[in-house]
Amino acid sequence: MTGKIRGMNPEQLARLGQKVAKARMSQGWSKEQAAREARISSITWKRVEDGLGVQDVKRAKVLEVLELDDRGDPVSAESQDGGFVTAPGPRTRSGISDEEVLALIDDVRSRLDAIERRIRGA
């Protein structure tokens, strides 16, 4: 993912949802089957297709399983790396998996939320 998801407006989310639905149907998957493939709930999958907000990590799983970029366009084989769109130039390995990075991001978000709650409570 390129990180553009968080700033999407309702029109962009709706357009992405339409592309997700089209890609899912081209795979011949039901929403339930697609959700299982992405390892998310069918309710979350439906929310993505309906153009509603979901966690970035969940939306990334939808796009990854369909091999779509963050705009809902197909990811070409040469730009694909584990389902995520890569930046231009050579990619270096950090020794940490994508799942570990996502877990770290969630941890940082949780810590920032806790700090924000303390500030508002002070």
N, C-alpha and C. Protein backbone atom coordinates (compact mmCIF):
# COMPACT_ATOMS: atom_id res chain seq x y z
N MET A 1 0.84 -1.18 0.00
CA MET A 1 0.00 0.00 0.00
C MET A 1 0.88 1.24 0.00
N THR A 2 0.38 2.26 -0.62
CA THR A 2 1.17 3.47 -0.68
C THR A 2 0.82 4.46 0.40
N GLY A 3 -0.16 4.14 1.23
CA GLY A 3 -0.50 5.03 2.33
C GLY A 3 -1.53 6.09 2.00
N LYS A 4 -2.15 6.04 0.82
CA LYS A 4 -3.12 7.06 0.43
C LYS A 4 -4.52 6.75 0.94
N ILE A 5 -4.75 5.56 1.42
CA ILE A 5 -6.08 5.14 1.83
C ILE A 5 -6.67 6.06 2.87
N ARG A 6 -5.94 6.39 3.90
CA ARG A 6 -6.46 7.13 5.05
C ARG A 6 -7.11 8.45 4.62
N GLY A 7 -6.62 9.10 3.59
CA GLY A 7 -7.13 10.39 3.20
C GLY A 7 -8.20 10.33 2.12
N MET A 8 -8.83 9.19 1.91
CA MET A 8 -9.82 9.07 0.84
C MET A 8 -11.14 9.72 1.25
N ASN A 9 -11.74 10.42 0.29
CA ASN A 9 -13.04 11.02 0.54
C ASN A 9 -14.14 10.01 0.18
N PRO A 10 -15.41 10.30 0.53
CA PRO A 10 -16.49 9.34 0.26
C PRO A 10 -16.62 8.94 -1.20
N GLU A 11 -16.39 9.87 -2.11
CA GLU A 11 -16.48 9.55 -3.54
C GLU A 11 -15.39 8.55 -3.94
N GLN A 12 -14.18 8.75 -3.43
CA GLN A 12 -13.08 7.83 -3.74
C GLN A 12 -13.34 6.45 -3.13
N LEU A 13 -13.88 6.42 -1.90
CA LEU A 13 -14.21 5.14 -1.26
C LEU A 13 -15.28 4.40 -2.06
N ALA A 14 -16.27 5.13 -2.57
CA ALA A 14 -17.33 4.52 -3.37
C ALA A 14 -16.76 3.94 -4.66
N ARG A 15 -15.87 4.69 -5.31
CA ARG A 15 -15.25 4.22 -6.55
C ARG A 15 -14.39 2.99 -6.29
N LEU A 16 -13.65 3.01 -5.17
CA LEU A 16 -12.84 1.85 -4.80
C LEU A 16 -13.74 0.64 -4.54
N GLY A 17 -14.85 0.86 -3.85
CA GLY A 17 -15.78 -0.23 -3.57
C GLY A 17 -16.31 -0.88 -4.84
N GLN A 18 -16.61 -0.07 -5.85
CA GLN A 18 -17.09 -0.59 -7.13
C GLN A 18 -16.01 -1.44 -7.81
N LYS A 19 -14.77 -0.98 -7.75
CA LYS A 19 -13.67 -1.73 -8.36
C LYS A 19 -13.43 -3.04 -7.62
N VAL A 20 -13.54 -2.99 -6.29
CA VAL A 20 -13.38 -4.21 -5.48
C VAL A 20 -14.46 -5.22 -5.85
N ALA A 21 -15.72 -4.76 -5.94
CA ALA A 21 -16.82 -5.66 -6.28
C ALA A 21 -16.60 -6.29 -7.66
N LYS A 22 -16.18 -5.48 -8.61
CA LYS A 22 -15.93 -5.99 -9.97
C LYS A 22 -14.81 -7.03 -9.97
N ALA A 23 -13.73 -6.74 -9.24
CA ALA A 23 -12.60 -7.68 -9.18
C ALA A 23 -13.01 -8.98 -8.49
N ARG A 24 -13.82 -8.86 -7.43
CA ARG A 24 -14.28 -10.05 -6.72
C ARG A 24 -15.13 -10.92 -7.65
N MET A 25 -16.05 -10.29 -8.36
CA MET A 25 -16.92 -11.04 -9.26
C MET A 25 -16.13 -11.69 -10.39
N SER A 26 -15.07 -11.01 -10.86
CA SER A 26 -14.25 -11.61 -11.93
C SER A 26 -13.51 -12.85 -11.43
N GLN A 27 -13.30 -12.94 -10.11
CA GLN A 27 -12.70 -14.13 -9.52
C GLN A 27 -13.75 -15.24 -9.34
N GLY A 28 -15.03 -14.87 -9.45
CA GLY A 28 -16.10 -15.83 -9.25
C GLY A 28 -16.38 -16.09 -7.78
N TRP A 29 -16.00 -15.16 -6.92
CA TRP A 29 -16.16 -15.32 -5.48
C TRP A 29 -17.42 -14.63 -4.99
N SER A 30 -18.06 -15.25 -4.00
CA SER A 30 -19.11 -14.55 -3.25
C SER A 30 -18.40 -13.61 -2.28
N LYS A 31 -19.16 -12.71 -1.67
CA LYS A 31 -18.55 -11.82 -0.68
C LYS A 31 -18.00 -12.62 0.50
N GLU A 32 -18.73 -13.66 0.88
CA GLU A 32 -18.30 -14.50 2.00
C GLU A 32 -17.00 -15.22 1.68
N GLN A 33 -16.93 -15.79 0.46
CA GLN A 33 -15.70 -16.50 0.06
C GLN A 33 -14.53 -15.53 -0.02
N ALA A 34 -14.76 -14.35 -0.59
CA ALA A 34 -13.69 -13.35 -0.70
C ALA A 34 -13.20 -12.94 0.68
N ALA A 35 -14.14 -12.76 1.61
CA ALA A 35 -13.76 -12.39 2.98
C ALA A 35 -12.90 -13.48 3.61
N ARG A 36 -13.27 -14.73 3.38
CA ARG A 36 -12.44 -15.84 3.91
C ARG A 36 -11.05 -15.80 3.31
N GLU A 37 -10.95 -15.54 2.01
CA GLU A 37 -9.65 -15.47 1.33
C GLU A 37 -8.79 -14.36 1.95
N ALA A 38 -9.43 -13.25 2.30
CA ALA A 38 -8.71 -12.10 2.86
C ALA A 38 -8.54 -12.21 4.38
N ARG A 39 -9.20 -13.21 4.97
CA ARG A 39 -9.14 -13.41 6.42
C ARG A 39 -9.70 -12.22 7.20
N ILE A 40 -10.85 -11.75 6.70
CA ILE A 40 -11.59 -10.69 7.39
C ILE A 40 -13.04 -11.12 7.45
N SER A 41 -13.86 -10.38 8.18
CA SER A 41 -15.28 -10.72 8.27
C SER A 41 -15.99 -10.33 6.97
N SER A 42 -17.09 -11.04 6.70
CA SER A 42 -17.88 -10.71 5.51
C SER A 42 -18.54 -9.33 5.66
N ILE A 43 -18.79 -8.92 6.89
CA ILE A 43 -19.35 -7.58 7.13
C ILE A 43 -18.34 -6.51 6.72
N THR A 44 -17.06 -6.72 7.07
CA THR A 44 -16.02 -5.77 6.67
C THR A 44 -15.90 -5.73 5.16
N TRP A 45 -15.93 -6.91 4.52
CA TRP A 45 -15.84 -6.95 3.06
C TRP A 45 -16.97 -6.13 2.44
N LYS A 46 -18.19 -6.34 2.94
CA LYS A 46 -19.35 -5.61 2.42
C LYS A 46 -19.17 -4.11 2.61
N ARG A 47 -18.64 -3.69 3.74
CA ARG A 47 -18.41 -2.27 3.99
C ARG A 47 -17.46 -1.68 2.95
N VAL A 48 -16.41 -2.43 2.59
CA VAL A 48 -15.47 -1.94 1.57
C VAL A 48 -16.20 -1.77 0.25
N GLU A 49 -16.96 -2.80 -0.16
CA GLU A 49 -17.68 -2.72 -1.43
C GLU A 49 -18.74 -1.62 -1.41
N ASP A 50 -19.31 -1.34 -0.25
CA ASP A 50 -20.31 -0.28 -0.13
C ASP A 50 -19.69 1.11 -0.04
N GLY A 51 -18.36 1.18 -0.06
CA GLY A 51 -17.68 2.47 0.00
C GLY A 51 -17.67 3.10 1.37
N LEU A 52 -17.77 2.26 2.40
CA LEU A 52 -17.78 2.76 3.78
C LEU A 52 -16.40 2.61 4.40
N GLY A 53 -16.18 3.30 5.48
CA GLY A 53 -14.89 3.26 6.14
C GLY A 53 -14.63 1.95 6.88
N VAL A 54 -13.43 1.47 6.75
CA VAL A 54 -12.94 0.32 7.52
C VAL A 54 -11.49 0.62 7.90
N GLN A 55 -10.94 -0.17 8.79
CA GLN A 55 -9.53 0.01 9.16
C GLN A 55 -8.65 -0.16 7.92
N ASP A 56 -7.60 0.64 7.84
CA ASP A 56 -6.68 0.56 6.71
C ASP A 56 -6.12 -0.85 6.54
N VAL A 57 -5.82 -1.51 7.64
CA VAL A 57 -5.24 -2.86 7.59
C VAL A 57 -6.23 -3.83 6.95
N LYS A 58 -7.49 -3.69 7.26
CA LYS A 58 -8.53 -4.56 6.69
C LYS A 58 -8.69 -4.27 5.20
N ARG A 59 -8.73 -2.99 4.84
CA ARG A 59 -8.85 -2.63 3.42
C ARG A 59 -7.64 -3.14 2.65
N ALA A 60 -6.47 -3.08 3.26
CA ALA A 60 -5.25 -3.58 2.61
C ALA A 60 -5.37 -5.08 2.32
N LYS A 61 -5.99 -5.83 3.23
CA LYS A 61 -6.17 -7.26 3.02
C LYS A 61 -7.10 -7.52 1.83
N VAL A 62 -8.15 -6.72 1.70
CA VAL A 62 -9.06 -6.85 0.58
C VAL A 62 -8.31 -6.61 -0.73
N LEU A 63 -7.57 -5.52 -0.77
CA LEU A 63 -6.85 -5.17 -1.99
C LEU A 63 -5.76 -6.19 -2.31
N GLU A 64 -5.11 -6.69 -1.28
CA GLU A 64 -4.05 -7.67 -1.48
C GLU A 64 -4.58 -8.95 -2.09
N VAL A 65 -5.69 -9.46 -1.56
CA VAL A 65 -6.21 -10.74 -2.05
C VAL A 65 -6.72 -10.61 -3.49
N LEU A 66 -7.13 -9.41 -3.88
CA LEU A 66 -7.59 -9.17 -5.25
C LEU A 66 -6.47 -8.68 -6.17
N GLU A 67 -5.29 -8.48 -5.60
CA GLU A 67 -4.13 -7.97 -6.34
C GLU A 67 -4.44 -6.61 -6.98
N LEU A 68 -4.97 -5.71 -6.12
CA LEU A 68 -5.28 -4.34 -6.54
C LEU A 68 -4.42 -3.37 -5.76
N ASP A 69 -4.14 -2.20 -6.36
CA ASP A 69 -3.41 -1.16 -5.64
C ASP A 69 -4.40 -0.35 -4.82
N ASP A 70 -3.93 0.71 -4.16
CA ASP A 70 -4.80 1.47 -3.27
C ASP A 70 -5.88 2.29 -3.99
N ARG A 71 -5.83 2.33 -5.31
CA ARG A 71 -6.89 2.98 -6.09
C ARG A 71 -7.86 1.95 -6.66
N GLY A 72 -7.56 0.65 -6.43
CA GLY A 72 -8.42 -0.41 -6.95
C GLY A 72 -8.04 -0.86 -8.34
N ASP A 73 -6.87 -0.44 -8.81
CA ASP A 73 -6.39 -0.86 -10.13
C ASP A 73 -5.52 -2.10 -9.99
N PRO A 74 -5.55 -2.98 -10.98
CA PRO A 74 -4.74 -4.20 -10.91
C PRO A 74 -3.25 -3.88 -10.74
N VAL A 75 -2.60 -4.67 -9.92
CA VAL A 75 -1.17 -4.52 -9.69
C VAL A 75 -0.46 -5.40 -10.70
N SER A 76 0.45 -4.82 -11.46
CA SER A 76 1.19 -5.62 -12.43
C SER A 76 2.18 -6.52 -11.72
N ALA A 77 2.51 -7.62 -12.34
CA ALA A 77 3.39 -8.62 -11.72
C ALA A 77 4.74 -8.03 -11.33
N GLU A 78 5.28 -7.13 -12.16
CA GLU A 78 6.61 -6.60 -11.85
C GLU A 78 6.60 -5.60 -10.69
N SER A 79 5.44 -5.00 -10.40
CA SER A 79 5.39 -4.04 -9.29
C SER A 79 4.86 -4.68 -8.02
N GLN A 80 4.54 -5.97 -8.09
CA GLN A 80 3.94 -6.63 -6.94
C GLN A 80 5.01 -7.29 -6.09
N ASP A 81 4.88 -7.09 -4.79
CA ASP A 81 5.80 -7.72 -3.84
C ASP A 81 5.00 -8.13 -2.62
N GLY A 82 4.58 -9.37 -2.57
CA GLY A 82 3.79 -9.83 -1.45
C GLY A 82 2.44 -9.16 -1.35
N GLY A 83 1.91 -8.65 -2.47
CA GLY A 83 0.60 -8.04 -2.46
C GLY A 83 0.61 -6.54 -2.22
N PHE A 84 1.76 -5.96 -1.93
CA PHE A 84 1.84 -4.54 -1.69
C PHE A 84 2.53 -3.87 -2.87
N VAL A 85 2.10 -2.66 -3.19
CA VAL A 85 2.73 -1.91 -4.27
C VAL A 85 4.07 -1.40 -3.75
N THR A 86 5.10 -1.61 -4.54
CA THR A 86 6.43 -1.21 -4.11
C THR A 86 6.77 0.18 -4.64
N ALA A 87 7.68 0.82 -3.96
CA ALA A 87 8.16 2.13 -4.41
C ALA A 87 9.13 1.93 -5.57
N PRO A 88 9.33 2.96 -6.38
CA PRO A 88 10.29 2.83 -7.48
C PRO A 88 11.69 2.57 -6.94
N GLY A 89 12.47 1.86 -7.71
CA GLY A 89 13.84 1.56 -7.32
C GLY A 89 13.95 0.22 -6.63
N PRO A 90 15.18 -0.17 -6.32
CA PRO A 90 15.38 -1.47 -5.70
C PRO A 90 14.83 -1.51 -4.29
N ARG A 91 14.29 -2.65 -3.91
CA ARG A 91 13.75 -2.82 -2.56
C ARG A 91 14.78 -3.54 -1.71
N THR A 92 15.00 -3.00 -0.55
CA THR A 92 15.92 -3.64 0.38
C THR A 92 15.12 -4.36 1.44
N ARG A 93 15.62 -5.47 1.90
CA ARG A 93 14.94 -6.25 2.93
C ARG A 93 15.38 -5.76 4.30
N SER A 94 14.40 -5.52 5.16
CA SER A 94 14.71 -5.01 6.49
C SER A 94 14.85 -6.14 7.51
N GLY A 95 14.48 -7.36 7.12
CA GLY A 95 14.52 -8.46 8.06
C GLY A 95 13.26 -8.54 8.90
N ILE A 96 12.25 -7.74 8.59
CA ILE A 96 11.00 -7.75 9.32
C ILE A 96 9.87 -7.99 8.32
N SER A 97 8.94 -8.84 8.68
CA SER A 97 7.85 -9.19 7.76
C SER A 97 6.81 -8.07 7.70
N ASP A 98 6.00 -8.12 6.65
CA ASP A 98 4.92 -7.14 6.50
C ASP A 98 3.96 -7.23 7.68
N GLU A 99 3.69 -8.45 8.14
CA GLU A 99 2.77 -8.63 9.27
C GLU A 99 3.34 -7.97 10.53
N GLU A 100 4.64 -8.10 10.74
CA GLU A 100 5.27 -7.47 11.91
C GLU A 100 5.19 -5.95 11.81
N VAL A 101 5.39 -5.41 10.62
CA VAL A 101 5.29 -3.97 10.42
C VAL A 101 3.88 -3.49 10.74
N LEU A 102 2.86 -4.22 10.23
CA LEU A 102 1.47 -3.84 10.50
C LEU A 102 1.16 -3.92 12.00
N ALA A 103 1.70 -4.93 12.67
CA ALA A 103 1.49 -5.05 14.12
C ALA A 103 2.14 -3.88 14.85
N LEU A 104 3.32 -3.48 14.42
CA LEU A 104 4.00 -2.34 15.03
C LEU A 104 3.21 -1.05 14.82
N ILE A 105 2.66 -0.89 13.62
CA ILE A 105 1.85 0.29 13.33
C ILE A 105 0.64 0.33 14.25
N ASP A 106 -0.03 -0.82 14.41
CA ASP A 106 -1.18 -0.87 15.31
C ASP A 106 -0.78 -0.52 16.74
N ASP A 107 0.39 -1.01 17.17
CA ASP A 107 0.87 -0.72 18.52
C ASP A 107 1.12 0.78 18.70
N VAL A 108 1.75 1.39 17.72
CA VAL A 108 2.03 2.83 17.79
C VAL A 108 0.72 3.62 17.82
N ARG A 109 -0.24 3.21 16.99
CA ARG A 109 -1.55 3.89 17.00
C ARG A 109 -2.19 3.80 18.37
N SER A 110 -2.14 2.61 18.98
CA SER A 110 -2.73 2.43 20.31
C SER A 110 -2.06 3.33 21.33
N ARG A 111 -0.73 3.41 21.27
CA ARG A 111 0.01 4.26 22.21
C ARG A 111 -0.33 5.73 22.00
N LEU A 112 -0.44 6.15 20.74
CA LEU A 112 -0.79 7.53 20.46
C LEU A 112 -2.20 7.85 20.94
N ASP A 113 -3.12 6.90 20.76
CA ASP A 113 -4.48 7.09 21.27
C ASP A 113 -4.47 7.25 22.78
N ALA A 114 -3.67 6.45 23.48
CA ALA A 114 -3.59 6.54 24.94
C ALA A 114 -3.03 7.90 25.37
N ILE A 115 -2.02 8.39 24.65
CA ILE A 115 -1.45 9.71 24.96
C ILE A 115 -2.49 10.78 24.72
N GLU A 116 -3.22 10.68 23.63
CA GLU A 116 -4.24 11.68 23.32
C GLU A 116 -5.33 11.69 24.40
N ARG A 117 -5.74 10.50 24.87
CA ARG A 117 -6.74 10.43 25.94
C ARG A 117 -6.23 11.09 27.22
N ARG A 118 -4.94 10.86 27.54
CA ARG A 118 -4.36 11.49 28.74
C ARG A 118 -4.34 13.00 28.60
N ILE A 119 -3.98 13.49 27.41
CA ILE A 119 -3.92 14.94 27.19
C ILE A 119 -5.31 15.54 27.33
N ARG A 120 -6.31 14.91 26.74
CA ARG A 120 -7.69 15.44 26.81
C ARG A 120 -8.21 15.37 28.23
N GLY A 121 -7.78 14.37 28.99
CA GLY A 121 -8.25 14.23 30.37
C GLY A 121 -7.55 15.17 31.33
N ALA A 122 -6.40 15.73 30.91
CA ALA A 122 -5.62 16.59 31.81
C ALA A 122 -6.17 18.01 31.88
